Amino acid sequence: MHVDHDLIQKIALLPPFSVLHIVLAAYGHVFGAVVSNLLATYTSIFSLKVVIWNFKRTQACPADCLCDESPNWKSQTIPMTSLEEIEIDGFEGTGHEVDFLKLLFRCATRMKRMTVRISHKLFPSDRGYKEMLSIFEANASVKCYVYRGSGWY
């Protein structure tokens, strides 16, 4: 997982913004820590769109991989008090994706709408799909939409 630290520093110089659209070429890496750090830094985000391009990994993560940099991201509480609209495109229902969904519902206390476009690899009988629906049911005050496929496949 390549993170351009110069880009992150340049983003830090921007004035506050309210819409964040992230395209992740995950290659099987865990992305929750990186995205949660970004959301913790930019608390004025109203609308978040995360596009996941999860290509098959060709090798194991190196020992110093950024995706393991902050293993406690799953239990963090990040103030996302402005975040109301979230869209996730390419959701495959992997464990860390479900954990990321839980983090969003736990921390985005003003969330009004969640839209998930699931990958063609995820089926209603899969554990990740069932967990996603369980999270939605537990947060009935949020309008949740699930669509099969996306414009990215």
N, C-alpha and C. Protein backbone atom coordinates (compact mmCIF):
# COMPACT_ATOMS: atom_id res chain seq x y z
N MET A 1 0.86 -1.15 0.00
CA MET A 1 0.00 0.00 0.00
C MET A 1 0.91 1.22 0.00
N HIS A 2 0.80 2.00 -1.04
CA HIS A 2 1.63 3.19 -1.17
C HIS A 2 0.86 4.40 -0.66
N VAL A 3 1.41 5.06 0.32
CA VAL A 3 0.82 6.30 0.82
C VAL A 3 1.80 7.41 0.51
N ASP A 4 1.35 8.39 -0.23
CA ASP A 4 2.20 9.51 -0.61
C ASP A 4 2.18 10.53 0.54
N HIS A 5 3.25 10.50 1.36
CA HIS A 5 3.30 11.39 2.52
C HIS A 5 3.38 12.86 2.12
N ASP A 6 3.98 13.16 0.96
CA ASP A 6 3.99 14.54 0.47
C ASP A 6 2.57 15.02 0.18
N LEU A 7 1.76 14.13 -0.39
CA LEU A 7 0.37 14.47 -0.67
C LEU A 7 -0.39 14.73 0.63
N ILE A 8 -0.16 13.90 1.64
CA ILE A 8 -0.83 14.10 2.92
C ILE A 8 -0.44 15.44 3.53
N GLN A 9 0.84 15.82 3.43
CA GLN A 9 1.28 17.11 3.93
C GLN A 9 0.65 18.25 3.15
N LYS A 10 0.48 18.09 1.84
CA LYS A 10 -0.16 19.12 1.03
C LYS A 10 -1.64 19.25 1.38
N ILE A 11 -2.29 18.13 1.65
CA ILE A 11 -3.70 18.15 2.05
C ILE A 11 -3.85 18.93 3.35
N ALA A 12 -2.88 18.76 4.26
CA ALA A 12 -2.93 19.44 5.55
C ALA A 12 -2.91 20.96 5.41
N LEU A 13 -2.39 21.46 4.29
CA LEU A 13 -2.32 22.90 4.05
C LEU A 13 -3.62 23.47 3.46
N LEU A 14 -4.52 22.60 3.04
CA LEU A 14 -5.77 23.06 2.44
C LEU A 14 -6.68 23.68 3.49
N PRO A 15 -7.55 24.60 3.07
CA PRO A 15 -8.55 25.10 4.01
C PRO A 15 -9.54 23.97 4.32
N PRO A 16 -10.33 24.11 5.36
CA PRO A 16 -11.30 23.06 5.70
C PRO A 16 -12.19 22.72 4.50
N PHE A 17 -12.47 21.43 4.33
CA PHE A 17 -13.34 20.99 3.25
C PHE A 17 -14.39 20.05 3.82
N SER A 18 -15.51 19.92 3.10
CA SER A 18 -16.62 19.15 3.63
C SER A 18 -16.94 17.89 2.84
N VAL A 19 -16.32 17.70 1.68
CA VAL A 19 -16.57 16.51 0.87
C VAL A 19 -15.23 15.82 0.63
N LEU A 20 -15.19 14.53 0.92
CA LEU A 20 -13.96 13.76 0.72
C LEU A 20 -14.29 12.52 -0.11
N HIS A 21 -13.59 12.37 -1.22
CA HIS A 21 -13.76 11.22 -2.11
C HIS A 21 -12.40 10.53 -2.19
N ILE A 22 -12.34 9.31 -1.70
CA ILE A 22 -11.09 8.55 -1.65
C ILE A 22 -11.20 7.34 -2.55
N VAL A 23 -10.20 7.13 -3.39
CA VAL A 23 -10.12 5.91 -4.20
C VAL A 23 -8.94 5.12 -3.67
N LEU A 24 -9.21 3.92 -3.18
CA LEU A 24 -8.18 3.08 -2.58
C LEU A 24 -7.87 1.89 -3.46
N ALA A 25 -6.63 1.75 -3.88
CA ALA A 25 -6.16 0.53 -4.53
C ALA A 25 -5.62 -0.33 -3.40
N ALA A 26 -6.48 -1.11 -2.77
CA ALA A 26 -6.15 -1.78 -1.51
C ALA A 26 -5.23 -3.00 -1.69
N TYR A 27 -5.35 -3.70 -2.76
CA TYR A 27 -4.53 -4.91 -3.01
C TYR A 27 -4.54 -5.85 -1.81
N GLY A 28 -5.67 -5.95 -1.13
CA GLY A 28 -5.79 -6.85 0.01
C GLY A 28 -5.32 -6.28 1.33
N HIS A 29 -4.80 -5.06 1.33
CA HIS A 29 -4.33 -4.44 2.56
C HIS A 29 -5.51 -3.92 3.38
N VAL A 30 -5.30 -3.77 4.67
CA VAL A 30 -6.26 -3.17 5.58
C VAL A 30 -6.12 -1.65 5.45
N PHE A 31 -7.22 -0.96 5.18
CA PHE A 31 -7.15 0.49 4.95
C PHE A 31 -7.79 1.31 6.05
N GLY A 32 -8.41 0.68 7.02
CA GLY A 32 -9.14 1.38 8.06
C GLY A 32 -8.31 2.36 8.86
N ALA A 33 -7.07 1.99 9.18
CA ALA A 33 -6.21 2.88 9.98
C ALA A 33 -5.89 4.16 9.23
N VAL A 34 -5.56 4.04 7.96
CA VAL A 34 -5.21 5.22 7.16
C VAL A 34 -6.41 6.14 7.01
N VAL A 35 -7.57 5.57 6.68
CA VAL A 35 -8.77 6.39 6.47
C VAL A 35 -9.26 6.99 7.79
N SER A 36 -9.20 6.23 8.87
CA SER A 36 -9.65 6.77 10.16
C SER A 36 -8.74 7.91 10.62
N ASN A 37 -7.44 7.81 10.36
CA ASN A 37 -6.53 8.92 10.69
C ASN A 37 -6.88 10.17 9.89
N LEU A 38 -7.22 9.98 8.63
CA LEU A 38 -7.61 11.10 7.78
C LEU A 38 -8.89 11.75 8.30
N LEU A 39 -9.86 10.93 8.68
CA LEU A 39 -11.13 11.44 9.21
C LEU A 39 -10.94 12.13 10.56
N ALA A 40 -10.00 11.65 11.36
CA ALA A 40 -9.72 12.28 12.65
C ALA A 40 -9.08 13.64 12.46
N THR A 41 -8.33 13.79 11.38
CA THR A 41 -7.66 15.06 11.10
C THR A 41 -8.62 16.10 10.54
N TYR A 42 -9.52 15.67 9.68
CA TYR A 42 -10.45 16.58 8.99
C TYR A 42 -11.86 16.35 9.50
N THR A 43 -12.18 16.97 10.61
CA THR A 43 -13.45 16.73 11.29
C THR A 43 -14.63 17.48 10.68
N SER A 44 -14.39 18.33 9.69
CA SER A 44 -15.49 19.09 9.09
C SER A 44 -16.10 18.38 7.88
N ILE A 45 -15.73 17.13 7.64
CA ILE A 45 -16.23 16.40 6.48
C ILE A 45 -17.70 16.05 6.68
N PHE A 46 -18.51 16.46 5.73
CA PHE A 46 -19.95 16.22 5.74
C PHE A 46 -20.29 14.97 4.92
N SER A 47 -19.60 14.78 3.81
CA SER A 47 -19.90 13.70 2.88
C SER A 47 -18.61 12.94 2.56
N LEU A 48 -18.66 11.61 2.70
CA LEU A 48 -17.51 10.76 2.45
C LEU A 48 -17.86 9.70 1.42
N LYS A 49 -17.01 9.55 0.42
CA LYS A 49 -17.15 8.45 -0.53
C LYS A 49 -15.83 7.70 -0.58
N VAL A 50 -15.91 6.40 -0.36
CA VAL A 50 -14.73 5.54 -0.39
C VAL A 50 -14.94 4.51 -1.50
N VAL A 51 -14.05 4.53 -2.47
CA VAL A 51 -14.09 3.55 -3.56
C VAL A 51 -12.94 2.57 -3.31
N ILE A 52 -13.28 1.29 -3.24
CA ILE A 52 -12.29 0.26 -2.94
C ILE A 52 -12.00 -0.55 -4.20
N TRP A 53 -10.77 -0.46 -4.64
CA TRP A 53 -10.30 -1.33 -5.72
C TRP A 53 -9.47 -2.39 -5.03
N ASN A 54 -10.04 -3.55 -4.81
CA ASN A 54 -9.36 -4.57 -4.04
C ASN A 54 -8.83 -5.66 -4.96
N PHE A 55 -7.72 -5.36 -5.62
CA PHE A 55 -7.10 -6.32 -6.51
C PHE A 55 -6.44 -7.42 -5.68
N LYS A 56 -6.30 -8.58 -6.26
CA LYS A 56 -5.70 -9.71 -5.56
C LYS A 56 -4.24 -9.39 -5.21
N ARG A 57 -3.90 -9.69 -3.98
CA ARG A 57 -2.53 -9.47 -3.51
C ARG A 57 -1.62 -10.54 -4.09
N THR A 58 -0.46 -10.14 -4.55
CA THR A 58 0.48 -11.09 -5.15
C THR A 58 1.56 -11.53 -4.16
N GLN A 59 1.69 -10.81 -3.05
CA GLN A 59 2.67 -11.19 -2.04
C GLN A 59 2.18 -10.74 -0.67
N ALA A 60 2.76 -11.32 0.37
CA ALA A 60 2.38 -10.97 1.74
C ALA A 60 2.85 -9.56 2.08
N CYS A 61 2.17 -8.95 3.06
CA CYS A 61 2.59 -7.62 3.52
C CYS A 61 3.99 -7.71 4.12
N PRO A 62 4.83 -6.71 3.87
CA PRO A 62 6.13 -6.69 4.55
C PRO A 62 5.93 -6.39 6.03
N ALA A 63 6.94 -6.66 6.84
CA ALA A 63 6.84 -6.49 8.29
C ALA A 63 6.50 -5.05 8.69
N ASP A 64 6.94 -4.07 7.91
CA ASP A 64 6.70 -2.66 8.25
C ASP A 64 5.56 -2.06 7.42
N CYS A 65 4.63 -2.88 6.99
CA CYS A 65 3.53 -2.41 6.14
C CYS A 65 2.66 -1.39 6.88
N LEU A 66 2.28 -0.33 6.17
CA LEU A 66 1.46 0.72 6.76
C LEU A 66 0.08 0.22 7.20
N CYS A 67 -0.39 -0.85 6.60
CA CYS A 67 -1.73 -1.31 6.97
C CYS A 67 -1.75 -1.89 8.39
N ASP A 68 -0.58 -2.22 8.95
CA ASP A 68 -0.50 -2.70 10.33
C ASP A 68 0.02 -1.64 11.29
N GLU A 69 0.18 -0.42 10.80
CA GLU A 69 0.79 0.64 11.58
C GLU A 69 0.00 0.97 12.85
N SER A 70 -1.30 0.93 12.78
CA SER A 70 -2.15 1.28 13.92
C SER A 70 -3.22 0.21 14.11
N PRO A 71 -2.87 -0.91 14.76
CA PRO A 71 -3.83 -2.01 14.87
C PRO A 71 -5.05 -1.70 15.75
N ASN A 72 -4.99 -0.64 16.56
CA ASN A 72 -6.12 -0.32 17.44
C ASN A 72 -7.18 0.56 16.78
N TRP A 73 -7.08 0.80 15.47
CA TRP A 73 -8.04 1.67 14.79
C TRP A 73 -9.47 1.16 14.92
N LYS A 74 -9.64 -0.14 15.06
CA LYS A 74 -10.98 -0.74 15.12
C LYS A 74 -11.75 -0.30 16.37
N SER A 75 -11.02 -0.02 17.44
CA SER A 75 -11.68 0.34 18.70
C SER A 75 -11.61 1.83 19.01
N GLN A 76 -11.01 2.61 18.12
CA GLN A 76 -10.91 4.05 18.34
C GLN A 76 -12.28 4.72 18.31
N THR A 77 -12.37 5.84 18.98
CA THR A 77 -13.54 6.70 18.86
C THR A 77 -13.04 8.02 18.30
N ILE A 78 -13.48 8.32 17.09
CA ILE A 78 -13.04 9.51 16.37
C ILE A 78 -14.23 10.45 16.25
N PRO A 79 -14.10 11.71 16.64
CA PRO A 79 -15.23 12.62 16.50
C PRO A 79 -15.50 12.95 15.03
N MET A 80 -16.55 12.37 14.51
CA MET A 80 -16.98 12.65 13.13
C MET A 80 -18.35 13.31 13.19
N THR A 81 -18.42 14.41 13.90
CA THR A 81 -19.70 15.05 14.20
C THR A 81 -20.34 15.74 13.01
N SER A 82 -19.60 15.98 11.95
CA SER A 82 -20.17 16.63 10.76
C SER A 82 -20.59 15.63 9.69
N LEU A 83 -20.12 14.39 9.79
CA LEU A 83 -20.33 13.40 8.75
C LEU A 83 -21.77 12.89 8.74
N GLU A 84 -22.49 13.16 7.63
CA GLU A 84 -23.89 12.77 7.51
C GLU A 84 -24.15 11.80 6.37
N GLU A 85 -23.33 11.86 5.32
CA GLU A 85 -23.56 11.01 4.15
C GLU A 85 -22.31 10.22 3.83
N ILE A 86 -22.48 8.90 3.72
CA ILE A 86 -21.35 8.02 3.44
C ILE A 86 -21.73 7.08 2.30
N GLU A 87 -20.78 6.91 1.39
CA GLU A 87 -20.96 5.96 0.30
C GLU A 87 -19.69 5.11 0.21
N ILE A 88 -19.88 3.81 0.17
CA ILE A 88 -18.77 2.88 0.01
C ILE A 88 -19.02 2.09 -1.26
N ASP A 89 -18.06 2.10 -2.15
CA ASP A 89 -18.19 1.46 -3.45
C ASP A 89 -17.13 0.36 -3.56
N GLY A 90 -17.56 -0.87 -3.82
CA GLY A 90 -16.62 -1.99 -3.95
C GLY A 90 -16.48 -2.81 -2.68
N PHE A 91 -17.46 -2.72 -1.80
CA PHE A 91 -17.45 -3.44 -0.52
C PHE A 91 -17.49 -4.94 -0.79
N GLU A 92 -16.50 -5.68 -0.23
CA GLU A 92 -16.42 -7.13 -0.42
C GLU A 92 -16.80 -7.91 0.83
N GLY A 93 -17.03 -7.21 1.95
CA GLY A 93 -17.45 -7.89 3.16
C GLY A 93 -16.33 -8.56 3.93
N THR A 94 -15.08 -8.19 3.65
CA THR A 94 -13.97 -8.76 4.41
C THR A 94 -14.04 -8.25 5.85
N GLY A 95 -13.32 -8.94 6.73
CA GLY A 95 -13.36 -8.58 8.15
C GLY A 95 -13.01 -7.14 8.42
N HIS A 96 -11.94 -6.63 7.79
CA HIS A 96 -11.56 -5.24 8.07
C HIS A 96 -12.52 -4.25 7.44
N GLU A 97 -13.20 -4.61 6.35
CA GLU A 97 -14.21 -3.72 5.78
C GLU A 97 -15.42 -3.62 6.70
N VAL A 98 -15.82 -4.75 7.29
CA VAL A 98 -16.92 -4.75 8.25
C VAL A 98 -16.52 -3.94 9.48
N ASP A 99 -15.28 -4.08 9.93
CA ASP A 99 -14.80 -3.29 11.07
C ASP A 99 -14.82 -1.80 10.75
N PHE A 100 -14.49 -1.44 9.52
CA PHE A 100 -14.53 -0.04 9.10
C PHE A 100 -15.97 0.48 9.13
N LEU A 101 -16.91 -0.34 8.69
CA LEU A 101 -18.33 0.02 8.73
C LEU A 101 -18.77 0.26 10.18
N LYS A 102 -18.36 -0.62 11.08
CA LYS A 102 -18.69 -0.47 12.51
C LYS A 102 -18.12 0.84 13.06
N LEU A 103 -16.88 1.14 12.69
CA LEU A 103 -16.25 2.38 13.13
C LEU A 103 -17.05 3.60 12.67
N LEU A 104 -17.47 3.59 11.42
CA LEU A 104 -18.25 4.71 10.88
C LEU A 104 -19.56 4.88 11.64
N PHE A 105 -20.27 3.80 11.87
CA PHE A 105 -21.54 3.90 12.59
C PHE A 105 -21.34 4.32 14.04
N ARG A 106 -20.25 3.89 14.65
CA ARG A 106 -19.98 4.25 16.05
C ARG A 106 -19.59 5.72 16.19
N CYS A 107 -18.84 6.24 15.22
CA CYS A 107 -18.25 7.57 15.37
C CYS A 107 -19.02 8.68 14.65
N ALA A 108 -19.68 8.37 13.56
CA ALA A 108 -20.43 9.39 12.82
C ALA A 108 -21.82 9.49 13.41
N THR A 109 -21.92 10.18 14.51
CA THR A 109 -23.15 10.21 15.29
C THR A 109 -24.30 10.97 14.61
N ARG A 110 -23.99 11.78 13.60
CA ARG A 110 -25.03 12.52 12.87
C ARG A 110 -25.33 11.90 11.51
N MET A 111 -24.85 10.69 11.28
CA MET A 111 -25.05 10.05 9.98
C MET A 111 -26.54 9.91 9.67
N LYS A 112 -26.88 10.29 8.44
CA LYS A 112 -28.26 10.19 7.99
C LYS A 112 -28.44 9.15 6.89
N ARG A 113 -27.36 8.97 6.08
CA ARG A 113 -27.50 8.05 4.94
C ARG A 113 -26.19 7.30 4.71
N MET A 114 -26.35 5.98 4.49
CA MET A 114 -25.23 5.11 4.15
C MET A 114 -25.61 4.35 2.88
N THR A 115 -24.78 4.46 1.86
CA THR A 115 -25.00 3.73 0.62
C THR A 115 -23.80 2.82 0.40
N VAL A 116 -24.07 1.54 0.20
CA VAL A 116 -23.00 0.57 -0.04
C VAL A 116 -23.25 -0.12 -1.38
N ARG A 117 -22.26 -0.03 -2.23
CA ARG A 117 -22.30 -0.76 -3.50
C ARG A 117 -21.38 -1.96 -3.31
N ILE A 118 -21.99 -3.13 -3.28
CA ILE A 118 -21.20 -4.33 -2.99
C ILE A 118 -20.53 -4.87 -4.25
N SER A 119 -19.42 -5.50 -4.03
CA SER A 119 -18.66 -6.12 -5.10
C SER A 119 -19.45 -7.29 -5.69
N HIS A 120 -19.15 -7.60 -6.91
CA HIS A 120 -19.77 -8.77 -7.55
C HIS A 120 -19.29 -10.07 -6.89
N LYS A 121 -18.27 -9.99 -6.02
CA LYS A 121 -17.75 -11.16 -5.31
C LYS A 121 -18.52 -11.47 -4.03
N LEU A 122 -19.39 -10.55 -3.60
CA LEU A 122 -20.11 -10.70 -2.34
C LEU A 122 -21.55 -11.12 -2.60
N PHE A 123 -22.02 -12.13 -1.86
CA PHE A 123 -23.37 -12.65 -2.05
C PHE A 123 -24.15 -12.60 -0.74
N PRO A 124 -25.48 -12.55 -0.80
CA PRO A 124 -26.30 -12.49 0.41
C PRO A 124 -26.05 -13.63 1.40
N SER A 125 -25.55 -14.75 0.93
CA SER A 125 -25.27 -15.87 1.83
C SER A 125 -23.92 -15.74 2.54
N ASP A 126 -23.10 -14.77 2.14
CA ASP A 126 -21.77 -14.59 2.72
C ASP A 126 -21.84 -13.92 4.10
N ARG A 127 -20.90 -14.27 4.95
CA ARG A 127 -20.85 -13.74 6.31
C ARG A 127 -20.76 -12.21 6.32
N GLY A 128 -19.90 -11.63 5.48
CA GLY A 128 -19.72 -10.18 5.45
C GLY A 128 -21.00 -9.45 5.06
N TYR A 129 -21.78 -10.04 4.17
CA TYR A 129 -23.06 -9.44 3.76
C TYR A 129 -24.03 -9.45 4.95
N LYS A 130 -24.09 -10.59 5.62
CA LYS A 130 -24.99 -10.70 6.77
C LYS A 130 -24.59 -9.75 7.90
N GLU A 131 -23.28 -9.60 8.12
CA GLU A 131 -22.81 -8.67 9.15
C GLU A 131 -23.16 -7.23 8.79
N MET A 132 -23.02 -6.89 7.51
CA MET A 132 -23.37 -5.54 7.04
C MET A 132 -24.85 -5.27 7.34
N LEU A 133 -25.72 -6.20 6.99
CA LEU A 133 -27.16 -6.02 7.24
C LEU A 133 -27.46 -5.92 8.74
N SER A 134 -26.74 -6.68 9.55
CA SER A 134 -26.92 -6.63 10.99
C SER A 134 -26.55 -5.24 11.54
N ILE A 135 -25.49 -4.67 11.02
CA ILE A 135 -25.08 -3.32 11.42
C ILE A 135 -26.15 -2.31 11.02
N PHE A 136 -26.68 -2.46 9.82
CA PHE A 136 -27.74 -1.56 9.34
C PHE A 136 -28.97 -1.66 10.23
N GLU A 137 -29.37 -2.89 10.57
CA GLU A 137 -30.55 -3.10 11.41
C GLU A 137 -30.36 -2.50 12.80
N ALA A 138 -29.15 -2.55 13.32
CA ALA A 138 -28.86 -2.01 14.64
C ALA A 138 -28.86 -0.48 14.64
N ASN A 139 -28.83 0.11 13.46
CA ASN A 139 -28.80 1.58 13.32
C ASN A 139 -29.97 2.02 12.46
N ALA A 140 -31.16 1.69 12.91
CA ALA A 140 -32.38 1.91 12.13
C ALA A 140 -32.66 3.38 11.83
N SER A 141 -32.06 4.31 12.57
CA SER A 141 -32.32 5.72 12.33
C SER A 141 -31.59 6.23 11.08
N VAL A 142 -30.66 5.44 10.56
CA VAL A 142 -29.90 5.82 9.36
C VAL A 142 -30.53 5.14 8.14
N LYS A 143 -30.74 5.91 7.08
CA LYS A 143 -31.25 5.33 5.83
C LYS A 143 -30.10 4.61 5.14
N CYS A 144 -30.24 3.30 5.00
CA CYS A 144 -29.17 2.48 4.43
C CYS A 144 -29.63 1.87 3.11
N TYR A 145 -28.76 1.96 2.11
CA TYR A 145 -29.06 1.44 0.78
C TYR A 145 -27.93 0.51 0.36
N VAL A 146 -28.30 -0.62 -0.24
CA VAL A 146 -27.32 -1.57 -0.75
C VAL A 146 -27.62 -1.83 -2.21
N TYR A 147 -26.58 -1.72 -3.03
CA TYR A 147 -26.70 -1.99 -4.46
C TYR A 147 -25.64 -3.00 -4.85
N ARG A 148 -25.97 -3.85 -5.80
CA ARG A 148 -25.00 -4.82 -6.32
C ARG A 148 -24.23 -4.16 -7.44
N GLY A 149 -22.91 -4.30 -7.35
CA GLY A 149 -22.04 -3.78 -8.41
C GLY A 149 -21.87 -2.28 -8.32
N SER A 150 -20.96 -1.79 -9.14
CA SER A 150 -20.67 -0.37 -9.15
C SER A 150 -20.18 0.02 -10.53
N GLY A 151 -19.95 1.28 -10.70
CA GLY A 151 -19.42 1.77 -11.96
C GLY A 151 -17.94 1.48 -12.12
N TRP A 152 -17.33 0.90 -11.09
CA TRP A 152 -15.88 0.67 -11.11
C TRP A 152 -15.51 -0.73 -11.55
N TYR A 153 -16.48 -1.61 -11.79
CA TYR A 153 -16.16 -2.99 -12.16
C TYR A 153 -16.44 -3.23 -13.62
